[in-house]
């Protein structure tokens, strides 16, 4: 069975390294990029199964990259991450499959990638606790 191929996008080198370390035991890392322009180029070149992207990045934000890839005909599931959950529900409405508060990545990034890959919407615990109408005990909203 082939492992899911994940493209990582974050403008902080240490964050990219951490995310790669967290995911490499279950997933294949298709690439790791430092800005939204590189994200667009890498996604077009490698066609990953899932994209894990920081919301705020130079040149093109994660949500902007998601919209641009969809406009180009690539409907790759996105897991968006941020240190701030404001806007998480809007990102899901715009097409992201998962939102992970960066405080939760150590234990929730891996299941978020899996959920996104099978079309399930996922909010990490810290993101869920700030959302109205979504139980903190629930894993998938």
N, C-alpha and C. Protein backbone atom coordinates (compact mmCIF):
# COMPACT_ATOMS: atom_id res chain seq x y z
N UNK A 1 0.84 -1.18 0.00
CA UNK A 1 0.00 0.00 0.00
C UNK A 1 0.89 1.25 0.00
N UNK A 2 0.61 2.18 -0.90
CA UNK A 2 1.38 3.41 -0.98
C UNK A 2 1.00 4.37 0.15
N UNK A 3 2.01 5.03 0.69
CA UNK A 3 1.77 6.02 1.74
C UNK A 3 1.34 7.33 1.09
N UNK A 4 0.50 8.07 1.81
CA UNK A 4 0.07 9.38 1.34
C UNK A 4 1.29 10.28 1.19
N UNK A 5 1.28 11.07 0.12
CA UNK A 5 2.36 12.02 -0.14
C UNK A 5 1.91 13.40 0.32
N UNK A 6 2.67 13.99 1.25
CA UNK A 6 2.30 15.26 1.88
C UNK A 6 3.32 16.34 1.51
N UNK A 7 2.81 17.48 1.07
CA UNK A 7 3.64 18.65 0.82
C UNK A 7 3.48 19.60 2.00
N UNK A 8 4.60 20.07 2.54
CA UNK A 8 4.62 20.94 3.73
C UNK A 8 5.02 22.35 3.31
N UNK A 9 4.28 23.34 3.82
CA UNK A 9 4.60 24.74 3.53
C UNK A 9 4.53 25.55 4.82
N UNK A 10 5.66 26.12 5.20
CA UNK A 10 5.73 26.99 6.36
C UNK A 10 6.95 27.88 6.19
N UNK A 11 6.83 29.14 6.54
CA UNK A 11 7.94 30.06 6.33
C UNK A 11 9.01 29.98 7.40
N UNK A 12 8.81 29.16 8.41
CA UNK A 12 9.82 28.97 9.45
C UNK A 12 10.48 27.61 9.29
N UNK A 13 11.80 27.62 9.13
CA UNK A 13 12.54 26.38 8.89
C UNK A 13 12.34 25.35 10.00
N UNK A 14 12.38 25.80 11.24
CA UNK A 14 12.20 24.87 12.36
C UNK A 14 10.81 24.24 12.33
N UNK A 15 9.80 25.01 11.98
CA UNK A 15 8.44 24.47 11.89
C UNK A 15 8.36 23.42 10.79
N UNK A 16 8.97 23.69 9.63
CA UNK A 16 8.97 22.69 8.54
C UNK A 16 9.65 21.41 9.00
N UNK A 17 10.77 21.54 9.68
CA UNK A 17 11.50 20.36 10.17
C UNK A 17 10.65 19.58 11.17
N UNK A 18 10.01 20.29 12.09
CA UNK A 18 9.17 19.64 13.10
C UNK A 18 8.00 18.91 12.45
N UNK A 19 7.33 19.57 11.53
CA UNK A 19 6.19 18.96 10.84
C UNK A 19 6.63 17.72 10.07
N UNK A 20 7.74 17.83 9.39
CA UNK A 20 8.27 16.68 8.66
C UNK A 20 8.56 15.52 9.60
N UNK A 21 9.18 15.80 10.74
CA UNK A 21 9.47 14.74 11.72
C UNK A 21 8.19 14.11 12.25
N UNK A 22 7.16 14.92 12.48
CA UNK A 22 5.91 14.41 13.01
C UNK A 22 5.18 13.49 12.02
N UNK A 23 5.33 13.78 10.73
CA UNK A 23 4.56 13.06 9.72
C UNK A 23 5.29 11.92 9.04
N UNK A 24 6.61 11.92 9.09
CA UNK A 24 7.39 10.98 8.29
C UNK A 24 7.20 9.51 8.64
N UNK A 25 6.75 9.20 9.85
CA UNK A 25 6.57 7.80 10.20
C UNK A 25 5.35 7.19 9.51
N UNK A 26 4.35 8.00 9.17
CA UNK A 26 3.13 7.49 8.55
C UNK A 26 2.96 7.93 7.09
N UNK A 27 3.58 9.05 6.74
CA UNK A 27 3.36 9.62 5.41
C UNK A 27 4.68 9.86 4.70
N UNK A 28 4.62 9.94 3.40
CA UNK A 28 5.79 10.27 2.59
C UNK A 28 5.80 11.79 2.38
N UNK A 29 6.92 12.43 2.61
CA UNK A 29 7.03 13.88 2.44
C UNK A 29 7.38 14.17 0.98
N UNK A 30 6.45 14.79 0.27
CA UNK A 30 6.63 15.09 -1.16
C UNK A 30 7.48 16.34 -1.37
N UNK A 31 7.61 17.14 -0.34
CA UNK A 31 8.40 18.36 -0.44
C UNK A 31 8.15 19.24 0.77
N UNK A 32 9.02 20.23 0.94
CA UNK A 32 8.92 21.17 2.05
C UNK A 32 9.35 22.54 1.52
N UNK A 33 8.45 23.52 1.59
CA UNK A 33 8.72 24.82 0.99
C UNK A 33 8.51 25.94 2.00
N UNK A 34 9.10 27.12 1.69
CA UNK A 34 9.15 28.22 2.64
C UNK A 34 8.20 29.37 2.36
N UNK A 35 7.51 29.37 1.23
CA UNK A 35 6.56 30.44 0.95
C UNK A 35 5.47 29.95 0.01
N UNK A 36 4.44 30.79 -0.14
CA UNK A 36 3.29 30.40 -0.93
C UNK A 36 3.58 30.23 -2.41
N UNK A 37 4.50 31.00 -2.95
CA UNK A 37 4.87 30.84 -4.37
C UNK A 37 5.51 29.47 -4.58
N UNK A 38 6.43 29.10 -3.69
CA UNK A 38 7.05 27.78 -3.78
C UNK A 38 6.01 26.68 -3.59
N UNK A 39 5.02 26.93 -2.74
CA UNK A 39 3.94 25.96 -2.54
C UNK A 39 3.20 25.72 -3.85
N UNK A 40 2.83 26.78 -4.54
CA UNK A 40 2.14 26.63 -5.82
C UNK A 40 2.98 25.84 -6.81
N UNK A 41 4.25 26.20 -6.93
CA UNK A 41 5.14 25.51 -7.88
C UNK A 41 5.30 24.03 -7.52
N UNK A 42 5.52 23.73 -6.24
CA UNK A 42 5.72 22.35 -5.81
C UNK A 42 4.45 21.52 -5.98
N UNK A 43 3.30 22.11 -5.68
CA UNK A 43 2.04 21.38 -5.85
C UNK A 43 1.79 21.05 -7.31
N UNK A 44 2.07 21.99 -8.20
CA UNK A 44 1.88 21.76 -9.63
C UNK A 44 2.85 20.69 -10.14
N UNK A 45 4.05 20.67 -9.60
CA UNK A 45 5.07 19.72 -10.06
C UNK A 45 4.89 18.32 -9.47
N UNK A 46 4.49 18.24 -8.20
CA UNK A 46 4.49 16.94 -7.50
C UNK A 46 3.11 16.33 -7.27
N UNK A 47 2.04 17.10 -7.40
CA UNK A 47 0.68 16.60 -7.18
C UNK A 47 0.57 15.76 -5.91
N UNK A 48 0.84 16.36 -4.74
CA UNK A 48 0.76 15.60 -3.48
C UNK A 48 -0.68 15.18 -3.18
N UNK A 49 -0.83 14.23 -2.28
CA UNK A 49 -2.16 13.79 -1.86
C UNK A 49 -2.80 14.77 -0.89
N UNK A 50 -1.97 15.42 -0.05
CA UNK A 50 -2.44 16.38 0.95
C UNK A 50 -1.39 17.48 1.06
N UNK A 51 -1.85 18.70 1.30
CA UNK A 51 -0.95 19.82 1.56
C UNK A 51 -1.17 20.29 2.99
N UNK A 52 -0.07 20.41 3.75
CA UNK A 52 -0.10 20.97 5.10
C UNK A 52 0.57 22.33 4.99
N UNK A 53 -0.21 23.39 5.25
CA UNK A 53 0.31 24.73 5.03
C UNK A 53 0.00 25.67 6.19
N UNK A 54 0.99 26.49 6.50
CA UNK A 54 0.78 27.60 7.42
C UNK A 54 -0.20 28.57 6.75
N UNK A 55 -1.03 29.24 7.54
CA UNK A 55 -1.95 30.22 7.00
C UNK A 55 -1.18 31.44 6.51
N UNK A 56 -0.30 31.98 7.34
CA UNK A 56 0.44 33.21 7.00
C UNK A 56 1.82 32.88 6.49
N UNK A 57 2.04 33.19 5.21
CA UNK A 57 3.36 32.98 4.60
C UNK A 57 3.65 34.13 3.65
N UNK A 58 4.92 34.35 3.35
CA UNK A 58 5.28 35.40 2.40
C UNK A 58 4.79 35.09 0.98
N UNK A 59 4.60 36.13 0.23
CA UNK A 59 4.24 36.10 -1.20
C UNK A 59 2.80 35.65 -1.44
N UNK A 60 2.45 34.46 -1.00
CA UNK A 60 1.10 33.93 -1.15
C UNK A 60 0.75 33.20 0.15
N UNK A 61 -0.39 33.52 0.75
CA UNK A 61 -0.78 32.84 1.99
C UNK A 61 -1.25 31.42 1.69
N UNK A 62 -1.37 30.62 2.72
CA UNK A 62 -1.87 29.26 2.55
C UNK A 62 -3.26 29.23 1.92
N UNK A 63 -4.23 30.01 2.46
CA UNK A 63 -5.56 30.04 1.85
C UNK A 63 -5.55 30.55 0.40
N UNK A 64 -4.71 31.54 0.10
CA UNK A 64 -4.61 32.02 -1.28
C UNK A 64 -4.06 30.93 -2.20
N UNK A 65 -3.07 30.18 -1.73
CA UNK A 65 -2.52 29.08 -2.52
C UNK A 65 -3.58 28.02 -2.76
N UNK A 66 -4.38 27.73 -1.75
CA UNK A 66 -5.46 26.75 -1.89
C UNK A 66 -6.44 27.20 -2.99
N UNK A 67 -6.86 28.45 -2.94
CA UNK A 67 -7.79 28.97 -3.95
C UNK A 67 -7.16 28.96 -5.34
N UNK A 68 -5.89 29.33 -5.43
CA UNK A 68 -5.21 29.37 -6.73
C UNK A 68 -5.07 27.97 -7.33
N UNK A 69 -4.72 26.99 -6.51
CA UNK A 69 -4.60 25.61 -7.01
C UNK A 69 -5.95 25.09 -7.49
N UNK A 70 -7.01 25.42 -6.78
CA UNK A 70 -8.36 25.01 -7.22
C UNK A 70 -8.70 25.67 -8.55
N UNK A 71 -8.34 26.94 -8.69
CA UNK A 71 -8.60 27.65 -9.95
C UNK A 71 -7.83 27.01 -11.11
N UNK A 72 -6.69 26.41 -10.80
CA UNK A 72 -5.88 25.73 -11.83
C UNK A 72 -6.32 24.28 -12.04
N UNK A 73 -7.37 23.86 -11.34
CA UNK A 73 -7.90 22.52 -11.52
C UNK A 73 -7.33 21.45 -10.61
N UNK A 74 -6.54 21.83 -9.61
CA UNK A 74 -6.00 20.86 -8.65
C UNK A 74 -6.79 20.95 -7.35
N UNK A 75 -7.53 19.91 -7.05
CA UNK A 75 -8.35 19.89 -5.83
C UNK A 75 -7.66 19.02 -4.79
N UNK A 76 -6.54 19.50 -4.28
CA UNK A 76 -5.75 18.77 -3.28
C UNK A 76 -6.25 19.18 -1.89
N UNK A 77 -6.54 18.20 -1.01
CA UNK A 77 -6.99 18.55 0.34
C UNK A 77 -5.92 19.36 1.09
N UNK A 78 -6.37 20.41 1.75
CA UNK A 78 -5.48 21.27 2.53
C UNK A 78 -5.73 21.09 4.02
N UNK A 79 -4.63 21.01 4.78
CA UNK A 79 -4.65 21.13 6.23
C UNK A 79 -3.97 22.45 6.52
N UNK A 80 -4.74 23.42 6.99
CA UNK A 80 -4.18 24.73 7.31
C UNK A 80 -3.83 24.78 8.78
N UNK A 81 -2.73 25.48 9.09
CA UNK A 81 -2.25 25.62 10.47
C UNK A 81 -2.01 27.09 10.78
N UNK A 82 -2.19 27.43 12.05
CA UNK A 82 -1.88 28.78 12.50
C UNK A 82 -1.77 28.79 14.02
N UNK A 83 -1.18 29.83 14.54
CA UNK A 83 -1.13 30.01 15.99
C UNK A 83 -2.38 30.70 16.49
N UNK A 84 -3.28 31.04 15.57
CA UNK A 84 -4.51 31.73 15.91
C UNK A 84 -5.67 31.07 15.17
N UNK A 85 -6.69 30.65 15.90
CA UNK A 85 -7.82 29.95 15.30
C UNK A 85 -8.86 30.87 14.66
N UNK A 86 -8.66 32.18 14.76
CA UNK A 86 -9.60 33.11 14.14
C UNK A 86 -9.60 32.84 12.63
N UNK A 87 -10.77 32.66 12.09
CA UNK A 87 -10.89 32.41 10.66
C UNK A 87 -10.94 30.94 10.29
N UNK A 88 -10.79 30.04 11.26
CA UNK A 88 -10.74 28.61 10.96
C UNK A 88 -11.99 28.13 10.23
N UNK A 89 -13.16 28.53 10.69
CA UNK A 89 -14.38 28.08 10.02
C UNK A 89 -14.49 28.65 8.61
N UNK A 90 -14.01 29.86 8.41
CA UNK A 90 -14.02 30.44 7.06
C UNK A 90 -13.10 29.67 6.12
N UNK A 91 -11.95 29.24 6.62
CA UNK A 91 -11.03 28.45 5.79
C UNK A 91 -11.70 27.14 5.36
N UNK A 92 -12.46 26.54 6.25
CA UNK A 92 -13.17 25.30 5.93
C UNK A 92 -14.25 25.60 4.89
N UNK A 93 -14.98 26.69 5.06
CA UNK A 93 -15.99 27.08 4.08
C UNK A 93 -15.37 27.31 2.70
N UNK A 94 -14.14 27.81 2.69
CA UNK A 94 -13.45 28.09 1.42
C UNK A 94 -12.86 26.84 0.79
N UNK A 95 -12.89 25.71 1.52
CA UNK A 95 -12.43 24.47 0.91
C UNK A 95 -11.35 23.71 1.65
N UNK A 96 -10.76 24.27 2.70
CA UNK A 96 -9.79 23.50 3.48
C UNK A 96 -10.51 22.33 4.14
N UNK A 97 -9.83 21.22 4.31
CA UNK A 97 -10.43 20.06 4.96
C UNK A 97 -10.13 20.02 6.45
N UNK A 98 -9.06 20.69 6.87
CA UNK A 98 -8.69 20.63 8.29
C UNK A 98 -8.01 21.93 8.70
N UNK A 99 -8.16 22.23 9.99
CA UNK A 99 -7.46 23.36 10.60
C UNK A 99 -6.85 22.88 11.90
N UNK A 100 -5.55 23.10 12.05
CA UNK A 100 -4.84 22.69 13.25
C UNK A 100 -4.17 23.91 13.86
N UNK A 101 -4.52 24.19 15.11
CA UNK A 101 -3.81 25.22 15.86
C UNK A 101 -2.40 24.70 16.09
N UNK A 102 -1.40 25.51 15.86
CA UNK A 102 -0.01 25.03 15.96
C UNK A 102 0.34 24.49 17.34
N UNK A 103 -0.38 24.91 18.36
CA UNK A 103 -0.11 24.36 19.69
C UNK A 103 -0.46 22.87 19.75
N UNK A 104 -1.32 22.42 18.83
CA UNK A 104 -1.80 21.04 18.81
C UNK A 104 -1.06 20.13 17.83
N UNK A 105 -0.10 20.62 17.08
CA UNK A 105 0.45 19.79 15.99
C UNK A 105 1.10 18.51 16.47
N UNK A 106 1.66 18.50 17.67
CA UNK A 106 2.34 17.31 18.16
C UNK A 106 1.47 16.08 18.24
N UNK A 107 0.21 16.27 18.53
CA UNK A 107 -0.68 15.12 18.66
C UNK A 107 -1.88 15.15 17.73
N UNK A 108 -2.06 16.23 16.97
CA UNK A 108 -3.25 16.28 16.11
C UNK A 108 -2.96 16.48 14.62
N UNK A 109 -1.73 16.73 14.25
CA UNK A 109 -1.46 16.94 12.83
C UNK A 109 -1.62 15.65 12.02
N UNK A 110 -1.09 14.56 12.54
CA UNK A 110 -1.18 13.28 11.84
C UNK A 110 -2.64 12.87 11.58
N UNK A 111 -3.52 12.88 12.60
CA UNK A 111 -4.91 12.53 12.30
C UNK A 111 -5.62 13.55 11.41
N UNK A 112 -5.21 14.81 11.47
CA UNK A 112 -5.80 15.82 10.59
C UNK A 112 -5.48 15.52 9.13
N UNK A 113 -4.25 15.10 8.86
CA UNK A 113 -3.85 14.74 7.49
C UNK A 113 -4.68 13.55 7.01
N UNK A 114 -4.81 12.55 7.85
CA UNK A 114 -5.61 11.38 7.48
C UNK A 114 -7.06 11.77 7.21
N UNK A 115 -7.66 12.56 8.10
CA UNK A 115 -9.05 13.00 7.91
C UNK A 115 -9.19 13.76 6.60
N UNK A 116 -8.29 14.69 6.34
CA UNK A 116 -8.34 15.47 5.10
C UNK A 116 -8.25 14.57 3.87
N UNK A 117 -7.41 13.56 3.95
CA UNK A 117 -7.19 12.67 2.80
C UNK A 117 -8.44 11.86 2.45
N UNK A 118 -9.33 11.64 3.43
CA UNK A 118 -10.54 10.87 3.16
C UNK A 118 -11.78 11.76 3.12
N UNK A 119 -11.57 13.07 3.07
CA UNK A 119 -12.67 14.00 2.89
C UNK A 119 -13.44 14.36 4.14
N UNK A 120 -12.84 14.15 5.31
CA UNK A 120 -13.49 14.53 6.56
C UNK A 120 -12.94 15.86 7.06
N UNK A 121 -13.83 16.72 7.51
CA UNK A 121 -13.43 18.00 8.08
C UNK A 121 -12.90 17.76 9.49
N UNK A 122 -11.80 18.42 9.82
CA UNK A 122 -11.13 18.21 11.11
C UNK A 122 -10.69 19.54 11.69
N UNK A 123 -11.01 19.76 12.96
CA UNK A 123 -10.50 20.90 13.72
C UNK A 123 -9.72 20.35 14.91
N UNK A 124 -8.54 20.88 15.16
CA UNK A 124 -7.78 20.44 16.33
C UNK A 124 -8.47 20.92 17.61
N UNK A 125 -8.07 20.34 18.72
CA UNK A 125 -8.72 20.62 20.01
C UNK A 125 -8.76 22.11 20.34
N UNK A 126 -7.66 22.80 20.23
CA UNK A 126 -7.63 24.23 20.56
C UNK A 126 -8.51 25.03 19.61
N UNK A 127 -8.54 24.65 18.36
CA UNK A 127 -9.40 25.34 17.39
C UNK A 127 -10.87 25.07 17.72
N UNK A 128 -11.20 23.83 18.05
CA UNK A 128 -12.59 23.47 18.39
C UNK A 128 -13.08 24.24 19.60
N UNK A 129 -12.21 24.39 20.60
CA UNK A 129 -12.64 25.05 21.83
C UNK A 129 -13.00 26.51 21.59
N UNK A 130 -12.50 27.10 20.53
CA UNK A 130 -12.82 28.50 20.23
C UNK A 130 -13.98 28.64 19.25
N UNK A 131 -14.50 27.52 18.75
CA UNK A 131 -15.60 27.59 17.80
C UNK A 131 -16.94 27.41 18.49
N UNK A 132 -17.93 28.13 18.06
CA UNK A 132 -19.29 27.98 18.60
C UNK A 132 -19.95 26.78 17.96
N UNK A 133 -20.71 26.03 18.73
CA UNK A 133 -21.47 24.93 18.18
C UNK A 133 -20.66 23.68 17.89
N UNK A 134 -19.48 23.59 18.42
CA UNK A 134 -18.65 22.42 18.18
C UNK A 134 -18.09 21.95 19.51
N UNK A 135 -18.44 20.75 19.92
CA UNK A 135 -18.05 20.21 21.20
C UNK A 135 -16.55 19.97 21.27
N UNK A 136 -15.95 20.31 22.41
CA UNK A 136 -14.51 20.12 22.61
C UNK A 136 -14.16 18.62 22.61
N UNK A 137 -15.10 17.76 22.99
CA UNK A 137 -14.83 16.32 23.04
C UNK A 137 -14.88 15.66 21.67
N UNK A 138 -15.42 16.32 20.73
CA UNK A 138 -15.60 15.76 19.40
C UNK A 138 -14.30 15.88 18.61
N UNK A 139 -13.92 14.87 17.85
CA UNK A 139 -12.69 14.92 17.06
C UNK A 139 -12.95 15.52 15.70
N UNK A 140 -14.02 15.12 15.06
CA UNK A 140 -14.36 15.64 13.73
C UNK A 140 -15.68 16.37 13.84
N UNK A 141 -15.72 17.61 13.37
CA UNK A 141 -16.94 18.41 13.44
C UNK A 141 -17.71 18.29 12.15
